[in-house]
Amino acid sequence: MKKSLVLASLVAAVALAACGQKEEAAPAAPAVEAPATAPADQAADAAKQEADAAAGEATDAAKDAVDAAKDAGAAAVDATKDAASDAVDAAKDAVQATTDAAKDAASDAVDAAKAAADAATNAATGK
């Protein structure tokens, strides 16, 4: 789930960045100038300014999405490291407990063997 969240964030960031970097189409062949081109030029300038502002906002949003994805990735890496460290510690504890149990069992077996040997010696010597 975290991978899909990171992937979705990256796809969104790339899409937003791509939308903000579109080149303007080449202007059509110059038409015969009409006497009132000033309002059209003003409208074109206003549209260009709005497009530039929207592109800037999209770029900022893409940067924020990339930063969020980086932070999420770093948090996932840290969580994985912590979990791996905990697993190693648990494995070490389990090995130590198993070793201690084996030592105790071996000691008990040695004691039982000594007692059996003493009993056999006593039976053989008649004590």
Protein backbone atom coordinates (compact mmCIF):
# COMPACT_ATOMS: atom_id res chain seq x y z
CA MET A 1 0.00 0.00 0.00
CA LYS A 2 2.85 2.37 0.78
CA LYS A 3 4.46 1.54 -2.56
CA SER A 4 1.28 2.34 -4.45
CA LEU A 5 0.93 5.62 -2.53
CA VAL A 6 4.49 6.60 -3.43
CA LEU A 7 3.98 5.53 -7.04
CA ALA A 8 0.72 7.49 -7.30
CA SER A 9 2.42 10.57 -5.84
CA LEU A 10 5.26 10.31 -8.32
CA VAL A 11 2.87 9.85 -11.26
CA ALA A 12 0.88 12.89 -10.11
CA ALA A 13 4.06 14.92 -9.73
CA VAL A 14 5.26 14.01 -13.21
CA ALA A 15 1.86 14.74 -14.73
CA LEU A 16 1.67 18.13 -13.05
CA ALA A 17 5.20 18.98 -14.08
CA ALA A 18 4.50 17.94 -17.66
CA CYS A 19 1.36 20.06 -17.80
CA GLY A 20 3.27 23.08 -16.60
CA GLN A 21 5.98 22.78 -19.25
CA LYS A 22 3.92 22.72 -22.44
CA GLU A 23 5.22 24.91 -25.18
CA GLU A 24 2.93 27.37 -26.83
CA ALA A 25 1.80 26.50 -30.33
CA ALA A 26 3.47 28.38 -33.12
CA PRO A 27 1.41 31.38 -34.12
CA ALA A 28 -0.63 31.06 -37.29
CA ALA A 29 0.32 32.94 -40.38
CA PRO A 30 -0.02 36.65 -39.79
CA ALA A 31 -3.47 37.79 -40.70
CA VAL A 32 -4.30 41.09 -42.13
CA GLU A 33 -4.13 43.46 -39.24
CA ALA A 34 -7.39 44.90 -38.22
CA PRO A 35 -7.41 48.38 -36.85
CA ALA A 36 -8.46 47.22 -33.31
CA THR A 37 -5.74 44.69 -32.33
CA ALA A 38 -5.01 46.24 -28.95
CA PRO A 39 -7.90 44.49 -27.11
CA ALA A 40 -6.91 41.16 -28.64
CA ASP A 41 -3.29 41.67 -27.62
CA GLN A 42 -4.38 42.56 -24.10
CA ALA A 43 -6.57 39.46 -23.91
CA ALA A 44 -3.70 37.30 -25.15
CA ASP A 45 -1.33 38.81 -22.59
CA ALA A 46 -3.85 38.25 -19.81
CA ALA A 47 -4.36 34.62 -20.91
CA LYS A 48 -0.59 34.10 -21.01
CA GLN A 49 -0.20 35.53 -17.53
CA GLU A 50 -2.96 33.28 -16.21
CA ALA A 51 -1.38 30.26 -17.91
CA ASP A 52 2.01 31.13 -16.44
CA ALA A 53 0.48 31.47 -12.97
CA ALA A 54 -1.31 28.12 -13.32
CA ALA A 55 1.91 26.50 -14.51
CA GLY A 56 3.76 27.92 -11.52
CA GLU A 57 1.11 26.57 -9.15
CA ALA A 58 1.23 23.17 -10.84
CA THR A 59 5.00 23.10 -10.56
CA ASP A 60 4.82 23.98 -6.88
CA ALA A 61 2.23 21.25 -6.31
CA ALA A 62 4.44 18.76 -8.13
CA LYS A 63 7.42 19.72 -5.99
CA ASP A 64 5.32 19.31 -2.86
CA ALA A 65 4.16 15.88 -4.05
CA VAL A 66 7.75 14.82 -4.72
CA ASP A 67 8.81 16.03 -1.28
CA ALA A 68 5.95 14.14 0.33
CA ALA A 69 6.91 11.01 -1.59
CA LYS A 70 10.53 11.38 -0.45
CA ASP A 71 9.43 11.79 3.16
CA ALA A 72 7.15 8.76 2.93
CA GLY A 73 9.95 6.70 1.40
CA ALA A 74 12.37 7.74 4.12
CA ALA A 75 9.83 6.87 6.81
CA ALA A 76 9.27 3.46 5.21
CA VAL A 77 13.01 2.80 5.11
CA ASP A 78 13.38 3.77 8.77
CA ALA A 79 10.46 1.56 9.78
CA THR A 80 11.95 -1.36 7.84
CA LYS A 81 15.34 -0.87 9.50
CA ASP A 82 13.72 -0.79 12.94
CA ALA A 83 11.69 -3.93 12.22
CA ALA A 84 14.77 -5.75 10.93
CA SER A 85 16.75 -4.74 14.00
CA ASP A 86 13.96 -5.99 16.28
CA ALA A 87 13.84 -9.29 14.38
CA VAL A 88 17.60 -9.76 14.75
CA ASP A 89 17.38 -9.06 18.48
CA ALA A 90 14.54 -11.55 18.85
CA ALA A 91 16.51 -14.18 16.95
CA LYS A 92 19.55 -13.61 19.17
CA ASP A 93 17.39 -13.98 22.27
CA ALA A 94 15.87 -17.20 20.93
CA VAL A 95 19.31 -18.66 20.18
CA GLN A 96 20.52 -17.76 23.67
CA ALA A 97 17.45 -19.36 25.28
CA THR A 98 17.89 -22.50 23.20
CA THR A 99 21.58 -22.71 24.10
CA ASP A 100 20.81 -22.30 27.81
CA ALA A 101 18.11 -24.99 27.66
CA ALA A 102 20.50 -27.37 25.86
CA LYS A 103 23.20 -26.75 28.49
CA ASP A 104 20.73 -27.41 31.32
CA ALA A 105 19.51 -30.61 29.66
CA ALA A 106 23.08 -31.82 29.11
CA SER A 107 23.96 -31.09 32.74
CA ASP A 108 20.89 -33.02 33.91
CA ALA A 109 21.86 -35.94 31.67
CA VAL A 110 25.40 -35.95 33.08
CA ASP A 111 24.04 -35.93 36.63
CA ALA A 112 21.68 -38.82 35.81
CA ALA A 113 24.50 -40.78 34.19
CA LYS A 114 26.72 -40.26 37.26
CA ALA A 115 23.92 -41.40 39.56
CA ALA A 116 23.35 -44.50 37.42
CA ALA A 117 27.06 -45.25 37.39
CA ASP A 118 27.24 -44.86 41.18
CA ALA A 119 24.25 -47.13 41.59
CA ALA A 120 25.81 -49.75 39.29
CA THR A 121 29.12 -49.53 41.16
CA ASN A 122 27.37 -49.91 44.51
CA ALA A 123 25.38 -52.89 43.23
CA ALA A 124 28.50 -54.55 41.86
CA THR A 125 30.53 -54.07 45.01
CA GLY A 126 27.68 -54.91 47.31
CA LYS A 127 27.55 -51.64 49.21
